[in-house]
N, C-alpha and C. Protein backbone atom coordinates (compact mmCIF):
# COMPACT_ATOMS: atom_id res chain seq x y z
N MET A 1 5.25 22.72 5.13
CA MET A 1 4.97 21.30 5.28
C MET A 1 3.72 20.96 4.48
N GLY A 2 3.76 19.86 3.78
CA GLY A 2 2.65 19.48 2.93
C GLY A 2 1.59 18.69 3.67
N ILE A 3 0.63 18.21 2.93
CA ILE A 3 -0.44 17.40 3.50
C ILE A 3 0.14 16.04 3.86
N GLU A 4 -0.08 15.59 5.06
CA GLU A 4 0.41 14.29 5.47
C GLU A 4 -0.65 13.23 5.18
N THR A 5 -0.21 11.99 5.14
CA THR A 5 -1.11 10.87 4.85
C THR A 5 -2.26 10.82 5.83
N ARG A 6 -1.97 10.94 7.12
CA ARG A 6 -3.05 10.82 8.11
C ARG A 6 -4.06 11.94 7.97
N ASN A 7 -3.62 13.13 7.52
CA ASN A 7 -4.56 14.23 7.30
C ASN A 7 -5.50 13.92 6.14
N LEU A 8 -4.98 13.32 5.08
CA LEU A 8 -5.82 12.94 3.95
C LEU A 8 -6.84 11.90 4.38
N VAL A 9 -6.39 10.88 5.09
CA VAL A 9 -7.29 9.82 5.54
C VAL A 9 -8.35 10.39 6.47
N ALA A 10 -7.94 11.24 7.42
CA ALA A 10 -8.89 11.83 8.37
C ALA A 10 -9.89 12.73 7.65
N PHE A 11 -9.41 13.56 6.72
CA PHE A 11 -10.29 14.48 6.02
C PHE A 11 -11.32 13.72 5.19
N LEU A 12 -10.88 12.77 4.42
CA LEU A 12 -11.81 12.03 3.58
C LEU A 12 -12.72 11.14 4.39
N GLY A 13 -12.24 10.68 5.55
CA GLY A 13 -13.06 9.83 6.40
C GLY A 13 -14.21 10.57 7.05
N THR A 14 -14.12 11.90 7.17
CA THR A 14 -15.17 12.66 7.83
C THR A 14 -16.22 13.19 6.85
N ARG A 15 -15.96 13.06 5.57
CA ARG A 15 -16.91 13.56 4.58
C ARG A 15 -18.14 12.69 4.53
N LYS A 16 -19.32 13.32 4.42
CA LYS A 16 -20.58 12.56 4.43
C LYS A 16 -21.35 12.70 3.11
N ASP A 17 -20.72 13.28 2.08
CA ASP A 17 -21.48 13.59 0.88
C ASP A 17 -21.35 12.52 -0.22
N GLY A 18 -21.13 11.29 0.15
CA GLY A 18 -21.19 10.21 -0.82
C GLY A 18 -19.84 9.79 -1.37
N VAL A 19 -19.79 8.56 -1.81
CA VAL A 19 -18.54 7.99 -2.31
C VAL A 19 -18.09 8.68 -3.58
N ARG A 20 -19.00 8.98 -4.49
CA ARG A 20 -18.61 9.60 -5.76
C ARG A 20 -17.93 10.95 -5.55
N GLU A 21 -18.51 11.80 -4.71
CA GLU A 21 -17.90 13.09 -4.43
C GLU A 21 -16.59 12.90 -3.67
N ASN A 22 -16.55 11.92 -2.79
CA ASN A 22 -15.31 11.63 -2.08
C ASN A 22 -14.21 11.24 -3.05
N MET A 23 -14.55 10.44 -4.07
CA MET A 23 -13.55 10.02 -5.04
C MET A 23 -13.01 11.21 -5.83
N VAL A 24 -13.89 12.14 -6.20
CA VAL A 24 -13.44 13.33 -6.91
C VAL A 24 -12.49 14.13 -6.03
N MET A 25 -12.89 14.33 -4.78
CA MET A 25 -12.03 15.06 -3.85
C MET A 25 -10.72 14.31 -3.62
N PHE A 26 -10.80 12.98 -3.53
CA PHE A 26 -9.61 12.18 -3.32
C PHE A 26 -8.63 12.38 -4.46
N HIS A 27 -9.11 12.33 -5.71
CA HIS A 27 -8.21 12.48 -6.84
C HIS A 27 -7.57 13.86 -6.87
N GLU A 28 -8.33 14.89 -6.52
CA GLU A 28 -7.75 16.23 -6.47
C GLU A 28 -6.68 16.32 -5.39
N LEU A 29 -7.00 15.83 -4.19
CA LEU A 29 -6.01 15.84 -3.11
C LEU A 29 -4.84 14.92 -3.41
N PHE A 30 -5.12 13.78 -4.01
CA PHE A 30 -4.06 12.82 -4.29
C PHE A 30 -3.06 13.38 -5.28
N ASP A 31 -3.54 14.09 -6.30
CA ASP A 31 -2.63 14.74 -7.25
C ASP A 31 -1.72 15.73 -6.53
N GLU A 32 -2.30 16.50 -5.61
CA GLU A 32 -1.51 17.46 -4.83
C GLU A 32 -0.50 16.73 -3.95
N ILE A 33 -0.93 15.67 -3.32
CA ILE A 33 -0.04 14.91 -2.43
C ILE A 33 1.08 14.26 -3.22
N LEU A 34 0.76 13.67 -4.38
CA LEU A 34 1.80 13.04 -5.18
C LEU A 34 2.85 14.04 -5.62
N SER A 35 2.42 15.26 -5.93
CA SER A 35 3.42 16.27 -6.32
C SER A 35 4.32 16.61 -5.14
N GLU A 36 3.78 16.59 -3.92
CA GLU A 36 4.59 16.86 -2.73
C GLU A 36 5.43 15.65 -2.34
N VAL A 37 4.86 14.46 -2.46
CA VAL A 37 5.58 13.25 -2.07
C VAL A 37 6.73 12.99 -3.03
N ASN A 38 6.57 13.36 -4.29
CA ASN A 38 7.65 13.17 -5.25
C ASN A 38 8.90 13.93 -4.85
N THR A 39 8.75 14.99 -4.06
CA THR A 39 9.91 15.75 -3.63
C THR A 39 10.46 15.23 -2.31
N LEU A 40 9.73 14.38 -1.63
CA LEU A 40 10.20 13.83 -0.36
C LEU A 40 11.21 12.73 -0.61
N PRO A 41 12.20 12.62 0.27
CA PRO A 41 13.21 11.57 0.08
C PRO A 41 12.69 10.17 0.38
N ASP A 42 11.63 10.07 1.16
CA ASP A 42 11.20 8.73 1.56
C ASP A 42 9.78 8.43 1.13
N LYS A 43 9.62 8.09 -0.13
CA LYS A 43 8.31 7.72 -0.65
C LYS A 43 7.85 6.39 -0.06
N ARG A 44 8.83 5.54 0.23
CA ARG A 44 8.52 4.22 0.78
C ARG A 44 7.76 4.35 2.10
N GLN A 45 8.20 5.28 2.97
CA GLN A 45 7.55 5.43 4.27
C GLN A 45 6.12 5.95 4.11
N TRP A 46 5.91 6.83 3.16
CA TRP A 46 4.56 7.36 2.91
C TRP A 46 3.62 6.22 2.53
N LEU A 47 4.08 5.34 1.63
CA LEU A 47 3.24 4.24 1.20
C LEU A 47 3.03 3.24 2.33
N LYS A 48 4.07 2.97 3.11
CA LYS A 48 3.93 2.08 4.26
C LYS A 48 2.90 2.62 5.24
N ASN A 49 2.92 3.92 5.48
CA ASN A 49 1.95 4.53 6.40
C ASN A 49 0.53 4.34 5.91
N LEU A 50 0.33 4.44 4.60
CA LEU A 50 -1.01 4.19 4.07
C LEU A 50 -1.45 2.76 4.33
N PHE A 51 -0.56 1.82 4.09
CA PHE A 51 -0.91 0.42 4.31
C PHE A 51 -1.08 0.10 5.79
N LYS A 52 -0.34 0.77 6.66
CA LYS A 52 -0.51 0.55 8.10
C LYS A 52 -1.89 0.99 8.56
N SER A 53 -2.46 2.00 7.91
CA SER A 53 -3.79 2.47 8.30
C SER A 53 -4.91 1.77 7.53
N TYR A 54 -4.56 0.85 6.63
CA TYR A 54 -5.54 0.16 5.77
C TYR A 54 -6.65 -0.51 6.58
N ARG A 55 -6.30 -1.24 7.62
CA ARG A 55 -7.29 -1.99 8.41
C ARG A 55 -8.32 -1.09 9.08
N PHE A 56 -7.94 0.16 9.31
CA PHE A 56 -8.81 1.07 10.05
C PHE A 56 -9.71 1.90 9.14
N MET A 57 -9.56 1.77 7.84
CA MET A 57 -10.39 2.52 6.90
C MET A 57 -11.66 1.75 6.60
N LYS A 58 -12.73 2.49 6.33
CA LYS A 58 -13.97 1.85 5.89
C LYS A 58 -13.75 1.25 4.50
N THR A 59 -14.54 0.23 4.18
CA THR A 59 -14.33 -0.47 2.91
C THR A 59 -14.61 0.41 1.69
N ASP A 60 -15.43 1.44 1.84
CA ASP A 60 -15.71 2.32 0.71
C ASP A 60 -14.89 3.61 0.77
N HIS A 61 -13.90 3.65 1.63
CA HIS A 61 -13.05 4.83 1.77
C HIS A 61 -12.21 4.99 0.50
N PRO A 62 -12.12 6.19 -0.07
CA PRO A 62 -11.39 6.38 -1.33
C PRO A 62 -9.92 5.94 -1.28
N VAL A 63 -9.24 6.19 -0.17
CA VAL A 63 -7.84 5.78 -0.07
C VAL A 63 -7.75 4.25 -0.07
N ARG A 64 -8.66 3.62 0.64
CA ARG A 64 -8.66 2.15 0.68
C ARG A 64 -8.97 1.58 -0.70
N LEU A 65 -9.89 2.18 -1.42
CA LEU A 65 -10.20 1.72 -2.77
C LEU A 65 -8.99 1.86 -3.69
N TRP A 66 -8.25 2.95 -3.54
CA TRP A 66 -7.03 3.13 -4.33
C TRP A 66 -5.99 2.07 -3.96
N LEU A 67 -5.81 1.82 -2.67
CA LEU A 67 -4.86 0.80 -2.23
C LEU A 67 -5.27 -0.57 -2.77
N ASP A 68 -6.58 -0.86 -2.76
CA ASP A 68 -7.06 -2.12 -3.32
C ASP A 68 -6.71 -2.23 -4.80
N SER A 69 -6.81 -1.12 -5.52
CA SER A 69 -6.52 -1.17 -6.96
C SER A 69 -5.04 -1.43 -7.23
N ILE A 70 -4.14 -0.82 -6.45
CA ILE A 70 -2.72 -1.09 -6.73
C ILE A 70 -2.33 -2.48 -6.23
N ILE A 71 -3.00 -2.98 -5.20
CA ILE A 71 -2.73 -4.35 -4.75
C ILE A 71 -3.21 -5.35 -5.79
N SER A 72 -4.32 -5.05 -6.46
CA SER A 72 -4.78 -5.98 -7.51
C SER A 72 -3.79 -5.98 -8.69
N LEU A 73 -3.18 -4.82 -9.00
CA LEU A 73 -2.12 -4.79 -10.01
C LEU A 73 -0.93 -5.65 -9.57
N HIS A 74 -0.58 -5.52 -8.30
CA HIS A 74 0.53 -6.30 -7.75
C HIS A 74 0.22 -7.79 -7.81
N GLN A 75 -1.00 -8.17 -7.48
CA GLN A 75 -1.39 -9.57 -7.52
C GLN A 75 -1.31 -10.10 -8.95
N GLU A 76 -1.80 -9.30 -9.89
CA GLU A 76 -1.75 -9.70 -11.30
C GLU A 76 -0.31 -9.90 -11.75
N TYR A 77 0.56 -8.97 -11.35
CA TYR A 77 1.98 -9.07 -11.70
C TYR A 77 2.59 -10.34 -11.11
N CYS A 78 2.31 -10.62 -9.85
CA CYS A 78 2.93 -11.75 -9.15
C CYS A 78 2.40 -13.10 -9.59
N THR A 79 1.20 -13.15 -10.11
CA THR A 79 0.61 -14.44 -10.50
C THR A 79 0.68 -14.70 -12.00
N ARG A 80 1.30 -13.80 -12.76
CA ARG A 80 1.37 -13.98 -14.21
C ARG A 80 2.12 -15.25 -14.60
N GLY A 81 3.28 -15.41 -14.04
CA GLY A 81 4.06 -16.60 -14.35
C GLY A 81 3.83 -17.67 -13.29
N ASP A 82 4.60 -18.70 -13.40
CA ASP A 82 4.49 -19.78 -12.42
C ASP A 82 5.65 -19.68 -11.43
N TYR A 83 5.77 -18.50 -10.81
CA TYR A 83 6.87 -18.23 -9.90
C TYR A 83 6.35 -18.24 -8.46
N GLU A 84 6.68 -19.31 -7.77
CA GLU A 84 6.18 -19.50 -6.42
C GLU A 84 6.64 -18.39 -5.47
N HIS A 85 7.88 -17.91 -5.65
CA HIS A 85 8.40 -16.89 -4.75
C HIS A 85 7.65 -15.56 -4.90
N LEU A 86 7.21 -15.22 -6.12
CA LEU A 86 6.45 -13.98 -6.30
C LEU A 86 5.08 -14.08 -5.64
N ILE A 87 4.46 -15.23 -5.77
CA ILE A 87 3.15 -15.43 -5.13
C ILE A 87 3.30 -15.36 -3.62
N ARG A 88 4.36 -15.98 -3.09
CA ARG A 88 4.61 -15.92 -1.65
C ARG A 88 4.86 -14.49 -1.19
N GLN A 89 5.61 -13.72 -2.00
CA GLN A 89 5.87 -12.32 -1.64
C GLN A 89 4.57 -11.53 -1.57
N HIS A 90 3.71 -11.73 -2.55
CA HIS A 90 2.43 -11.01 -2.54
C HIS A 90 1.58 -11.42 -1.34
N ASN A 91 1.48 -12.73 -1.10
CA ASN A 91 0.67 -13.21 0.01
C ASN A 91 1.21 -12.74 1.35
N SER A 92 2.53 -12.70 1.49
CA SER A 92 3.14 -12.22 2.73
C SER A 92 2.78 -10.76 2.98
N PHE A 93 2.86 -9.95 1.93
CA PHE A 93 2.54 -8.53 2.05
C PHE A 93 1.08 -8.34 2.45
N VAL A 94 0.18 -9.07 1.80
CA VAL A 94 -1.25 -8.94 2.08
C VAL A 94 -1.55 -9.40 3.51
N MET A 95 -0.95 -10.52 3.92
CA MET A 95 -1.21 -11.01 5.28
C MET A 95 -0.70 -10.03 6.34
N PHE A 96 0.42 -9.40 6.05
CA PHE A 96 1.01 -8.51 7.05
C PHE A 96 0.25 -7.19 7.16
N TYR A 97 -0.20 -6.64 6.03
CA TYR A 97 -0.81 -5.31 6.04
C TYR A 97 -2.32 -5.26 5.86
N MET A 98 -2.92 -6.23 5.17
CA MET A 98 -4.27 -6.00 4.67
C MET A 98 -5.35 -6.94 5.19
N THR A 99 -5.02 -8.01 5.84
CA THR A 99 -6.06 -8.92 6.32
C THR A 99 -6.77 -8.32 7.52
N GLU A 100 -7.99 -8.80 7.75
CA GLU A 100 -8.78 -8.31 8.89
C GLU A 100 -8.02 -8.52 10.20
N LYS A 101 -7.45 -9.71 10.34
CA LYS A 101 -6.68 -10.03 11.54
C LYS A 101 -5.23 -9.66 11.30
N LYS A 102 -4.63 -8.97 12.25
CA LYS A 102 -3.23 -8.59 12.11
C LYS A 102 -2.35 -9.78 12.50
N TYR A 103 -1.45 -10.13 11.60
CA TYR A 103 -0.51 -11.21 11.85
C TYR A 103 0.88 -10.63 12.10
N SER A 104 1.62 -11.25 13.00
CA SER A 104 3.01 -10.83 13.24
C SER A 104 3.90 -11.42 12.16
N LEU A 105 5.15 -10.95 12.11
CA LEU A 105 6.10 -11.51 11.15
C LEU A 105 6.28 -13.01 11.37
N ASN A 106 6.38 -13.41 12.63
CA ASN A 106 6.56 -14.83 12.94
C ASN A 106 5.37 -15.66 12.48
N GLN A 107 4.16 -15.15 12.67
CA GLN A 107 2.97 -15.89 12.24
C GLN A 107 2.92 -16.02 10.72
N VAL A 108 3.23 -14.93 10.03
CA VAL A 108 3.24 -14.98 8.56
C VAL A 108 4.33 -15.94 8.08
N ALA A 109 5.48 -15.92 8.74
CA ALA A 109 6.57 -16.82 8.37
C ALA A 109 6.16 -18.29 8.55
N ARG A 110 5.51 -18.59 9.68
CA ARG A 110 5.06 -19.95 9.92
C ARG A 110 4.05 -20.41 8.87
N MET A 111 3.13 -19.52 8.49
CA MET A 111 2.12 -19.88 7.50
C MET A 111 2.72 -20.14 6.12
N ASN A 112 3.86 -19.47 5.84
CA ASN A 112 4.52 -19.63 4.54
C ASN A 112 5.71 -20.57 4.57
N ASN A 113 5.97 -21.17 5.74
CA ASN A 113 7.09 -22.10 5.91
C ASN A 113 8.44 -21.50 5.53
N VAL A 114 8.66 -20.26 5.98
CA VAL A 114 9.94 -19.58 5.77
C VAL A 114 10.35 -18.91 7.09
N VAL A 115 11.55 -18.36 7.11
CA VAL A 115 12.02 -17.66 8.31
C VAL A 115 11.49 -16.23 8.29
N PRO A 116 11.37 -15.58 9.46
CA PRO A 116 10.84 -14.21 9.51
C PRO A 116 11.63 -13.21 8.66
N ARG A 117 12.94 -13.41 8.53
CA ARG A 117 13.74 -12.49 7.71
C ARG A 117 13.27 -12.50 6.25
N THR A 118 12.84 -13.65 5.79
CA THR A 118 12.33 -13.75 4.41
C THR A 118 11.06 -12.92 4.27
N ILE A 119 10.22 -12.92 5.29
CA ILE A 119 8.99 -12.12 5.24
C ILE A 119 9.34 -10.64 5.18
N CYS A 120 10.34 -10.23 5.96
CA CYS A 120 10.79 -8.82 5.90
C CYS A 120 11.23 -8.46 4.49
N ARG A 121 11.99 -9.33 3.86
CA ARG A 121 12.44 -9.08 2.48
C ARG A 121 11.25 -9.04 1.53
N ASN A 122 10.29 -9.95 1.73
CA ASN A 122 9.10 -9.97 0.87
C ASN A 122 8.33 -8.66 0.97
N ILE A 123 8.23 -8.13 2.18
CA ILE A 123 7.49 -6.88 2.38
C ILE A 123 8.22 -5.72 1.70
N VAL A 124 9.53 -5.67 1.82
CA VAL A 124 10.32 -4.61 1.17
C VAL A 124 10.17 -4.71 -0.34
N LEU A 125 10.25 -5.92 -0.88
CA LEU A 125 10.08 -6.10 -2.32
C LEU A 125 8.68 -5.69 -2.78
N GLY A 126 7.67 -6.02 -1.97
CA GLY A 126 6.30 -5.62 -2.29
C GLY A 126 6.15 -4.11 -2.30
N ILE A 127 6.70 -3.45 -1.30
CA ILE A 127 6.64 -1.98 -1.25
C ILE A 127 7.36 -1.38 -2.45
N ASN A 128 8.50 -1.93 -2.82
CA ASN A 128 9.23 -1.40 -3.99
C ASN A 128 8.42 -1.54 -5.27
N ARG A 129 7.74 -2.68 -5.44
CA ARG A 129 6.90 -2.83 -6.63
C ARG A 129 5.74 -1.85 -6.61
N LEU A 130 5.13 -1.66 -5.43
CA LEU A 130 4.02 -0.73 -5.32
C LEU A 130 4.47 0.71 -5.54
N LEU A 131 5.72 1.02 -5.18
CA LEU A 131 6.26 2.35 -5.48
C LEU A 131 6.32 2.58 -6.98
N VAL A 132 6.70 1.55 -7.72
CA VAL A 132 6.73 1.66 -9.19
C VAL A 132 5.33 1.86 -9.73
N PHE A 133 4.34 1.12 -9.21
CA PHE A 133 2.96 1.29 -9.66
C PHE A 133 2.44 2.68 -9.34
N THR A 134 2.91 3.28 -8.25
CA THR A 134 2.42 4.60 -7.82
C THR A 134 3.17 5.74 -8.49
N PHE A 135 4.51 5.68 -8.46
CA PHE A 135 5.32 6.81 -8.90
C PHE A 135 6.06 6.58 -10.21
N GLY A 136 5.95 5.40 -10.79
CA GLY A 136 6.74 5.08 -11.97
C GLY A 136 8.14 4.65 -11.55
N ILE A 137 9.01 4.51 -12.51
CA ILE A 137 10.36 4.01 -12.22
C ILE A 137 11.12 4.97 -11.30
N GLY A 138 10.73 6.24 -11.27
CA GLY A 138 11.37 7.20 -10.38
C GLY A 138 11.04 6.95 -8.92
N GLY A 139 10.11 6.04 -8.64
CA GLY A 139 9.74 5.76 -7.27
C GLY A 139 10.68 4.81 -6.56
N ILE A 140 11.60 4.20 -7.30
CA ILE A 140 12.51 3.24 -6.66
C ILE A 140 13.72 3.99 -6.10
N PRO A 141 13.94 3.83 -4.81
CA PRO A 141 15.16 4.42 -4.24
C PRO A 141 16.37 3.55 -4.60
N PHE A 142 17.35 4.13 -5.25
CA PHE A 142 18.52 3.37 -5.70
C PHE A 142 19.68 3.44 -4.72
N VAL A 143 19.45 3.97 -3.54
CA VAL A 143 20.53 4.04 -2.55
C VAL A 143 20.38 2.97 -1.52
């Protein structure tokens, strides 16, 4: 069994030797984890688990910084054109996983004036795009 997401977060969260050294350790562990996750059938669940723990990480935590960087790529992608649905998809994902206050699907749906099922679809689409940013085109499950 390989290193699990929660083990990475817990290990890096207990280190006291500074952000720079944490980032070096994070990249070494992350390379190892990516090689193991690439062989797992469910990359989507691994990424979802990281985002579920996002609110509980310190702001300078290496995993959180990495998640922030791929979310900024996602935001850039979604705001490039004048496509309202892409912006809504990004905002739905951020509200559901990353805001300080946790919002339910119904609350996010009300804020975006859509039905909760649309928010579920937005989250799945957001995870799929983030899988591409993380694993490349091989990160998309085609089944």
